[in-house]
Amino acid sequence: MKELERQASPDIIMVLAGHIFNEPLREVEEEEAKAWAAEKGLIFFETSAKTGMNVTEIFETIGIRLFDRMLLIFVLILLFL
C-alpha cells in the first residue's frame, strides 16, 4: 500500500478484496475492513473463491470508473475545442 501511494498516479483505481473463507471465524470484521478501505480511498468488496461472489463485480466497477474518466476527458476536450 505504501509503495502504491508513493509511486502510483493519484488517479489510480484501487480495490480491496476481502476474502471470505466460508468459515464462521473471521480475522477482520466486514465493517472494520470497509472503514479501513474508505479511509484509504479504496473500493471494497468481500469476495469468495468458493462461490465467485463479487469477483465479476470488482472488474465491472473498475471498468465503469475507467469509462467515466474517459467520458469526462472526452467532454472536457470537446468543451475546449
PDB file of N, CA and C in Angstrom:
ATOM      1  N   MET A   1       0.826  -1.181   0.000  1.00  0.00           N
ATOM      2  CA  MET A   1       0.000   0.000   0.000  1.00  0.00           C
ATOM      3  C   MET A   1       0.877   1.254   0.000  1.00  0.00           C
ATOM      4  N   LYS A   2       1.874   1.270   0.836  1.00  0.00           N
ATOM      5  CA  LYS A   2       2.745   2.447   0.909  1.00  0.00           C
ATOM      6  C   LYS A   2       3.470   2.675  -0.412  1.00  0.00           C
ATOM      7  N   GLU A   3       3.874   1.592  -1.054  1.00  0.00           N
ATOM      8  CA  GLU A   3       4.578   1.711  -2.326  1.00  0.00           C
ATOM      9  C   GLU A   3       3.658   2.284  -3.404  1.00  0.00           C
ATOM     10  N   LEU A   4       2.411   1.857  -3.431  1.00  0.00           N
ATOM     11  CA  LEU A   4       1.449   2.410  -4.392  1.00  0.00           C
ATOM     12  C   LEU A   4       1.196   3.884  -4.116  1.00  0.00           C
ATOM     13  N   GLU A   5       1.039   4.223  -2.851  1.00  0.00           N
ATOM     14  CA  GLU A   5       0.806   5.628  -2.500  1.00  0.00           C
ATOM     15  C   GLU A   5       1.986   6.496  -2.917  1.00  0.00           C
ATOM     16  N   ARG A   6       3.172   5.940  -2.840  1.00  0.00           N
ATOM     17  CA  ARG A   6       4.381   6.693  -3.159  1.00  0.00           C
ATOM     18  C   ARG A   6       4.613   6.814  -4.668  1.00  0.00           C
ATOM     19  N   GLN A   7       4.354   5.742  -5.413  1.00  0.00           N
ATOM     20  CA  GLN A   7       4.757   5.722  -6.811  1.00  0.00           C
ATOM     21  C   GLN A   7       3.625   5.808  -7.822  1.00  0.00           C
ATOM     22  N   ALA A   8       2.428   5.415  -7.447  1.00  0.00           N
ATOM     23  CA  ALA A   8       1.336   5.349  -8.427  1.00  0.00           C
ATOM     24  C   ALA A   8       0.738   6.729  -8.688  1.00  0.00           C
ATOM     25  N   SER A   9       0.062   6.818  -9.800  1.00  0.00           N
ATOM     26  CA  SER A   9      -0.662   8.040 -10.141  1.00  0.00           C
ATOM     27  C   SER A   9      -1.739   8.297  -9.093  1.00  0.00           C
ATOM     28  N   PRO A  10      -2.009   9.551  -8.778  1.00  0.00           N
ATOM     29  CA  PRO A  10      -3.077   9.843  -7.818  1.00  0.00           C
ATOM     30  C   PRO A  10      -4.451   9.414  -8.326  1.00  0.00           C
ATOM     31  N   ASP A  11      -4.554   9.151  -9.623  1.00  0.00           N
ATOM     32  CA  ASP A  11      -5.827   8.730 -10.210  1.00  0.00           C
ATOM     33  C   ASP A  11      -6.018   7.212 -10.221  1.00  0.00           C
ATOM     34  N   ILE A  12      -5.102   6.477  -9.629  1.00  0.00           N
ATOM     35  CA  ILE A  12      -5.185   5.018  -9.658  1.00  0.00           C
ATOM     36  C   ILE A  12      -6.491   4.546  -9.014  1.00  0.00           C
ATOM     37  N   ILE A  13      -7.061   3.515  -9.593  1.00  0.00           N
ATOM     38  CA  ILE A  13      -8.266   2.898  -9.032  1.00  0.00           C
ATOM     39  C   ILE A  13      -7.809   1.666  -8.267  1.00  0.00           C
ATOM     40  N   MET A  14      -8.016   1.687  -6.954  1.00  0.00           N
ATOM     41  CA  MET A  14      -7.591   0.562  -6.121  1.00  0.00           C
ATOM     42  C   MET A  14      -8.801  -0.081  -5.460  1.00  0.00           C
ATOM     43  N   VAL A  15      -8.759  -1.416  -5.439  1.00  0.00           N
ATOM     44  CA  VAL A  15      -9.842  -2.191  -4.846  1.00  0.00           C
ATOM     45  C   VAL A  15      -9.255  -3.082  -3.767  1.00  0.00           C
ATOM     46  N   LEU A  16      -9.911  -3.105  -2.615  1.00  0.00           N
ATOM     47  CA  LEU A  16      -9.563  -4.039  -1.557  1.00  0.00           C
ATOM     48  C   LEU A  16     -10.561  -5.181  -1.631  1.00  0.00           C
ATOM     49  N   ALA A  17     -10.062  -6.383  -1.909  1.00  0.00           N
ATOM     50  CA  ALA A  17     -10.919  -7.566  -1.967  1.00  0.00           C
ATOM     51  C   ALA A  17     -10.709  -8.358  -0.686  1.00  0.00           C
ATOM     52  N   GLY A  18     -11.710  -8.335   0.172  1.00  0.00           N
ATOM     53  CA  GLY A  18     -11.652  -9.098   1.417  1.00  0.00           C
ATOM     54  C   GLY A  18     -12.174 -10.496   1.157  1.00  0.00           C
ATOM     55  N   HIS A  19     -11.314 -11.476   1.314  1.00  0.00           N
ATOM     56  CA  HIS A  19     -11.682 -12.854   1.004  1.00  0.00           C
ATOM     57  C   HIS A  19     -12.447 -13.483   2.168  1.00  0.00           C
ATOM     58  N   ILE A  20     -13.610 -14.028   1.846  1.00  0.00           N
ATOM     59  CA  ILE A  20     -14.394 -14.776   2.829  1.00  0.00           C
ATOM     60  C   ILE A  20     -13.943 -16.225   2.744  1.00  0.00           C
ATOM     61  N   PHE A  21     -13.531 -16.777   3.854  1.00  0.00           N
ATOM     62  CA  PHE A  21     -13.058 -18.157   3.856  1.00  0.00           C
ATOM     63  C   PHE A  21     -14.191 -19.167   4.004  1.00  0.00           C
ATOM     64  N   ASN A  22     -15.424 -18.669   4.015  1.00  0.00           N
ATOM     65  CA  ASN A  22     -16.590 -19.524   4.146  1.00  0.00           C
ATOM     66  C   ASN A  22     -16.548 -20.350   5.421  1.00  0.00           C
ATOM     67  N   GLU A  23     -15.970 -19.771   6.440  1.00  0.00           N
ATOM     68  CA  GLU A  23     -15.911 -20.387   7.757  1.00  0.00           C
ATOM     69  C   GLU A  23     -16.502 -19.411   8.764  1.00  0.00           C
ATOM     70  N   PRO A  24     -16.911 -19.908   9.912  1.00  0.00           N
ATOM     71  CA  PRO A  24     -17.501 -18.999  10.904  1.00  0.00           C
ATOM     72  C   PRO A  24     -16.502 -18.027  11.536  1.00  0.00           C
ATOM     73  N   LEU A  25     -15.220 -18.363  11.539  1.00  0.00           N
ATOM     74  CA  LEU A  25     -14.221 -17.490  12.166  1.00  0.00           C
ATOM     75  C   LEU A  25     -13.685 -16.498  11.151  1.00  0.00           C
ATOM     76  N   ARG A  26     -13.656 -15.237  11.552  1.00  0.00           N
ATOM     77  CA  ARG A  26     -13.144 -14.181  10.684  1.00  0.00           C
ATOM     78  C   ARG A  26     -11.963 -13.508  11.360  1.00  0.00           C
ATOM     79  N   GLU A  27     -10.984 -13.120  10.581  1.00  0.00           N
ATOM     80  CA  GLU A  27      -9.863 -12.369  11.146  1.00  0.00           C
ATOM     81  C   GLU A  27     -10.183 -10.884  11.222  1.00  0.00           C
ATOM     82  N   VAL A  28     -10.944 -10.377  10.254  1.00  0.00           N
ATOM     83  CA  VAL A  28     -11.315  -8.963  10.211  1.00  0.00           C
ATOM     84  C   VAL A  28     -12.804  -8.874   9.922  1.00  0.00           C
ATOM     85  N   GLU A  29     -13.506  -8.111  10.728  1.00  0.00           N
ATOM     86  CA  GLU A  29     -14.940  -7.928  10.502  1.00  0.00           C
ATOM     87  C   GLU A  29     -15.160  -7.055   9.270  1.00  0.00           C
ATOM     88  N   GLU A  30     -16.248  -7.294   8.569  1.00  0.00           N
ATOM     89  CA  GLU A  30     -16.545  -6.567   7.339  1.00  0.00           C
ATOM     90  C   GLU A  30     -16.572  -5.062   7.570  1.00  0.00           C
ATOM     91  N   GLU A  31     -17.200  -4.605   8.642  1.00  0.00           N
ATOM     92  CA  GLU A  31     -17.292  -3.169   8.911  1.00  0.00           C
ATOM     93  C   GLU A  31     -15.914  -2.547   9.137  1.00  0.00           C
ATOM     94  N   GLU A  32     -15.030  -3.277   9.793  1.00  0.00           N
ATOM     95  CA  GLU A  32     -13.669  -2.787  10.011  1.00  0.00           C
ATOM     96  C   GLU A  32     -12.922  -2.660   8.677  1.00  0.00           C
ATOM     97  N   ALA A  33     -13.076  -3.650   7.815  1.00  0.00           N
ATOM     98  CA  ALA A  33     -12.432  -3.617   6.504  1.00  0.00           C
ATOM     99  C   ALA A  33     -12.996  -2.481   5.653  1.00  0.00           C
ATOM    100  N   LYS A  34     -14.314  -2.296   5.692  1.00  0.00           N
ATOM    101  CA  LYS A  34     -14.947  -1.203   4.940  1.00  0.00           C
ATOM    102  C   LYS A  34     -14.428   0.153   5.416  1.00  0.00           C
ATOM    103  N   ALA A  35     -14.321   0.312   6.726  1.00  0.00           N
ATOM    104  CA  ALA A  35     -13.848   1.583   7.283  1.00  0.00           C
ATOM    105  C   ALA A  35     -12.405   1.854   6.871  1.00  0.00           C
ATOM    106  N   TRP A  36     -11.558   0.818   6.924  1.00  0.00           N
ATOM    107  CA  TRP A  36     -10.153   0.983   6.539  1.00  0.00           C
ATOM    108  C   TRP A  36     -10.053   1.347   5.067  1.00  0.00           C
ATOM    109  N   ALA A  37     -10.831   0.644   4.226  1.00  0.00           N
ATOM    110  CA  ALA A  37     -10.820   0.916   2.790  1.00  0.00           C
ATOM    111  C   ALA A  37     -11.273   2.350   2.512  1.00  0.00           C
ATOM    112  N   ALA A  38     -12.327   2.784   3.175  1.00  0.00           N
ATOM    113  CA  ALA A  38     -12.831   4.146   2.989  1.00  0.00           C
ATOM    114  C   ALA A  38     -11.788   5.174   3.399  1.00  0.00           C
ATOM    115  N   GLU A  39     -11.103   4.914   4.496  1.00  0.00           N
ATOM    116  CA  GLU A  39     -10.050   5.818   4.984  1.00  0.00           C
ATOM    117  C   GLU A  39      -8.928   5.958   3.960  1.00  0.00           C
ATOM    118  N   LYS A  40      -8.624   4.874   3.247  1.00  0.00           N
ATOM    119  CA  LYS A  40      -7.546   4.876   2.248  1.00  0.00           C
ATOM    120  C   LYS A  40      -8.031   5.248   0.854  1.00  0.00           C
ATOM    121  N   GLY A  41      -9.342   5.458   0.702  1.00  0.00           N
ATOM    122  CA  GLY A  41      -9.887   5.803  -0.608  1.00  0.00           C
ATOM    123  C   GLY A  41     -10.011   4.616  -1.550  1.00  0.00           C
ATOM    124  N   LEU A  42     -10.180   3.428  -0.983  1.00  0.00           N
ATOM    125  CA  LEU A  42     -10.274   2.208  -1.779  1.00  0.00           C
ATOM    126  C   LEU A  42     -11.720   1.789  -1.973  1.00  0.00           C
ATOM    127  N   ILE A  43     -11.977   1.089  -3.054  1.00  0.00           N
ATOM    128  CA  ILE A  43     -13.260   0.434  -3.267  1.00  0.00           C
ATOM    129  C   ILE A  43     -13.176  -0.899  -2.517  1.00  0.00           C
ATOM    130  N   PHE A  44     -14.218  -1.272  -1.793  1.00  0.00           N
ATOM    131  CA  PHE A  44     -14.172  -2.503  -1.008  1.00  0.00           C
ATOM    132  C   PHE A  44     -15.225  -3.497  -1.470  1.00  0.00           C
ATOM    133  N   PHE A  45     -14.801  -4.742  -1.607  1.00  0.00           N
ATOM    134  CA  PHE A  45     -15.705  -5.860  -1.864  1.00  0.00           C
ATOM    135  C   PHE A  45     -15.274  -7.036  -1.011  1.00  0.00           C
ATOM    136  N   GLU A  46     -16.234  -7.751  -0.453  1.00  0.00           N
ATOM    137  CA  GLU A  46     -15.933  -9.066   0.092  1.00  0.00           C
ATOM    138  C   GLU A  46     -16.106 -10.053  -1.046  1.00  0.00           C
ATOM    139  N   THR A  47     -15.177 -10.995  -1.144  1.00  0.00           N
ATOM    140  CA  THR A  47     -15.217 -11.961  -2.243  1.00  0.00           C
ATOM    141  C   THR A  47     -15.153 -13.384  -1.699  1.00  0.00           C
ATOM    142  N   SER A  48     -15.534 -14.317  -2.536  1.00  0.00           N
ATOM    143  CA  SER A  48     -15.439 -15.722  -2.178  1.00  0.00           C
ATOM    144  C   SER A  48     -14.891 -16.509  -3.356  1.00  0.00           C
ATOM    145  N   ALA A  49     -13.776 -17.193  -3.143  1.00  0.00           N
ATOM    146  CA  ALA A  49     -13.221 -18.054  -4.184  1.00  0.00           C
ATOM    147  C   ALA A  49     -14.115 -19.282  -4.384  1.00  0.00           C
ATOM    148  N   LYS A  50     -14.777 -19.683  -3.334  1.00  0.00           N
ATOM    149  CA  LYS A  50     -15.635 -20.870  -3.399  1.00  0.00           C
ATOM    150  C   LYS A  50     -16.867 -20.630  -4.268  1.00  0.00           C
ATOM    151  N   THR A  51     -17.503 -19.472  -4.106  1.00  0.00           N
ATOM    152  CA  THR A  51     -18.739 -19.203  -4.836  1.00  0.00           C
ATOM    153  C   THR A  51     -18.561 -18.216  -5.985  1.00  0.00           C
ATOM    154  N   GLY A  52     -17.426 -17.514  -6.017  1.00  0.00           N
ATOM    155  CA  GLY A  52     -17.212 -16.489  -7.031  1.00  0.00           C
ATOM    156  C   GLY A  52     -17.902 -15.174  -6.704  1.00  0.00           C
ATOM    157  N   MET A  53     -18.403 -15.060  -5.476  1.00  0.00           N
ATOM    158  CA  MET A  53     -19.135 -13.868  -5.063  1.00  0.00           C
ATOM    159  C   MET A  53     -18.287 -12.607  -5.262  1.00  0.00           C
ATOM    160  N   ASN A  54     -18.861 -11.630  -5.957  1.00  0.00           N
ATOM    161  CA  ASN A  54     -18.308 -10.289  -6.178  1.00  0.00           C
ATOM    162  C   ASN A  54     -17.057 -10.218  -7.048  1.00  0.00           C
ATOM    163  N   VAL A  55     -16.597 -11.326  -7.588  1.00  0.00           N
ATOM    164  CA  VAL A  55     -15.405 -11.270  -8.442  1.00  0.00           C
ATOM    165  C   VAL A  55     -15.709 -10.482  -9.715  1.00  0.00           C
ATOM    166  N   THR A  56     -16.793 -10.808 -10.381  1.00  0.00           N
ATOM    167  CA  THR A  56     -17.191 -10.080 -11.588  1.00  0.00           C
ATOM    168  C   THR A  56     -17.472  -8.625 -11.268  1.00  0.00           C
ATOM    169  N   GLU A  57     -18.111  -8.378 -10.124  1.00  0.00           N
ATOM    170  CA  GLU A  57     -18.478  -7.020  -9.741  1.00  0.00           C
ATOM    171  C   GLU A  57     -17.260  -6.121  -9.568  1.00  0.00           C
ATOM    172  N   ILE A  58     -16.160  -6.680  -9.088  1.00  0.00           N
ATOM    173  CA  ILE A  58     -14.925  -5.893  -8.944  1.00  0.00           C
ATOM    174  C   ILE A  58     -14.492  -5.360 -10.307  1.00  0.00           C
ATOM    175  N   PHE A  59     -14.428  -6.238 -11.298  1.00  0.00           N
ATOM    176  CA  PHE A  59     -13.975  -5.830 -12.622  1.00  0.00           C
ATOM    177  C   PHE A  59     -14.978  -4.905 -13.299  1.00  0.00           C
ATOM    178  N   GLU A  60     -16.258  -5.145 -13.091  1.00  0.00           N
ATOM    179  CA  GLU A  60     -17.270  -4.236 -13.638  1.00  0.00           C
ATOM    180  C   GLU A  60     -17.129  -2.838 -13.043  1.00  0.00           C
ATOM    181  N   THR A  61     -16.898  -2.755 -11.744  1.00  0.00           N
ATOM    182  CA  THR A  61     -16.746  -1.465 -11.073  1.00  0.00           C
ATOM    183  C   THR A  61     -15.521  -0.722 -11.594  1.00  0.00           C
ATOM    184  N   ILE A  62     -14.419  -1.427 -11.756  1.00  0.00           N
ATOM    185  CA  ILE A  62     -13.215  -0.797 -12.304  1.00  0.00           C
ATOM    186  C   ILE A  62     -13.486  -0.303 -13.718  1.00  0.00           C
ATOM    187  N   GLY A  63     -14.148  -1.123 -14.529  1.00  0.00           N
ATOM    188  CA  GLY A  63     -14.471  -0.734 -15.897  1.00  0.00           C
ATOM    189  C   GLY A  63     -15.355   0.501 -15.956  1.00  0.00           C
ATOM    190  N   ILE A  64     -16.354   0.553 -15.095  1.00  0.00           N
ATOM    191  CA  ILE A  64     -17.253   1.714 -15.048  1.00  0.00           C
ATOM    192  C   ILE A  64     -16.485   2.967 -14.656  1.00  0.00           C
ATOM    193  N   ARG A  65     -15.629   2.849 -13.645  1.00  0.00           N
ATOM    194  CA  ARG A  65     -14.830   4.013 -13.225  1.00  0.00           C
ATOM    195  C   ARG A  65     -13.919   4.500 -14.358  1.00  0.00           C
ATOM    196  N   LEU A  66     -13.294   3.560 -15.059  1.00  0.00           N
ATOM    197  CA  LEU A  66     -12.432   3.945 -16.177  1.00  0.00           C
ATOM    198  C   LEU A  66     -13.236   4.609 -17.289  1.00  0.00           C
ATOM    199  N   PHE A  67     -14.400   4.049 -17.607  1.00  0.00           N
ATOM    200  CA  PHE A  67     -15.255   4.626 -18.637  1.00  0.00           C
ATOM    201  C   PHE A  67     -15.676   6.038 -18.251  1.00  0.00           C
ATOM    202  N   ASP A  68     -16.076   6.226 -16.994  1.00  0.00           N
ATOM    203  CA  ASP A  68     -16.477   7.557 -16.527  1.00  0.00           C
ATOM    204  C   ASP A  68     -15.353   8.570 -16.688  1.00  0.00           C
ATOM    205  N   ARG A  69     -14.135   8.160 -16.375  1.00  0.00           N
ATOM    206  CA  ARG A  69     -12.993   9.064 -16.528  1.00  0.00           C
ATOM    207  C   ARG A  69     -12.755   9.415 -17.985  1.00  0.00           C
ATOM    208  N   MET A  70     -12.832   8.407 -18.854  1.00  0.00           N
ATOM    209  CA  MET A  70     -12.634   8.648 -20.278  1.00  0.00           C
ATOM    210  C   MET A  70     -13.714   9.578 -20.824  1.00  0.00           C
ATOM    211  N   LEU A  71     -14.946   9.375 -20.381  1.00  0.00           N
ATOM    212  CA  LEU A  71     -16.051  10.224 -20.816  1.00  0.00           C
ATOM    213  C   LEU A  71     -15.821  11.665 -20.367  1.00  0.00           C
ATOM    214  N   LEU A  72     -15.385  11.843 -19.141  1.00  0.00           N
ATOM    215  CA  LEU A  72     -15.097  13.179 -18.628  1.00  0.00           C
ATOM    216  C   LEU A  72     -14.000  13.847 -19.449  1.00  0.00           C
ATOM    217  N   ILE A  73     -12.951  13.121 -19.747  1.00  0.00           N
ATOM    218  CA  ILE A  73     -11.863  13.672 -20.560  1.00  0.00           C
ATOM    219  C   ILE A  73     -12.379  14.063 -21.944  1.00  0.00           C
ATOM    220  N   PHE A  74     -13.191  13.207 -22.537  1.00  0.00           N
ATOM    221  CA  PHE A  74     -13.761  13.492 -23.859  1.00  0.00           C
ATOM    222  C   PHE A  74     -14.610  14.778 -23.824  1.00  0.00           C
ATOM    223  N   VAL A  75     -15.439  14.915 -22.817  1.00  0.00           N
ATOM    224  CA  VAL A  75     -16.288  16.109 -22.686  1.00  0.00           C
ATOM    225  C   VAL A  75     -15.421  17.360 -22.515  1.00  0.00           C
ATOM    226  N   LEU A  76     -14.403  17.256 -21.686  1.00  0.00           N
ATOM    227  CA  LEU A  76     -13.511  18.401 -21.487  1.00  0.00           C
ATOM    228  C   LEU A  76     -12.795  18.793 -22.763  1.00  0.00           C
ATOM    229  N   ILE A  77     -12.374  17.813 -23.529  1.00  0.00           N
ATOM    230  CA  ILE A  77     -11.719  18.104 -24.819  1.00  0.00           C
ATOM    231  C   ILE A  77     -12.695  18.839 -25.737  1.00  0.00           C
ATOM    232  N   LEU A  78     -13.931  18.341 -25.797  1.00  0.00           N
ATOM    233  CA  LEU A  78     -14.918  18.983 -26.665  1.00  0.00           C
ATOM    234  C   LEU A  78     -15.217  20.417 -26.225  1.00  0.00           C
ATOM    235  N   LEU A  79     -15.237  20.648 -24.930  1.00  0.00           N
ATOM    236  CA  LEU A  79     -15.511  21.995 -24.425  1.00  0.00           C
ATOM    237  C   LEU A  79     -14.416  22.982 -24.795  1.00  0.00           C
ATOM    238  N   PHE A  80     -13.197  22.507 -24.886  1.00  0.00           N
ATOM    239  CA  PHE A  80     -12.082  23.413 -25.136  1.00  0.00           C
ATOM    240  C   PHE A  80     -11.657  23.458 -26.605  1.00  0.00           C
ATOM    241  N   LEU A  81     -12.395  22.787 -27.474  1.00  0.00           N
ATOM    242  CA  LEU A  81     -12.068  22.848 -28.910  1.00  0.00           C
ATOM    243  C   LEU A  81     -12.605  24.103 -29.539  1.00  0.00           C
TER     244      LEU A  81
END
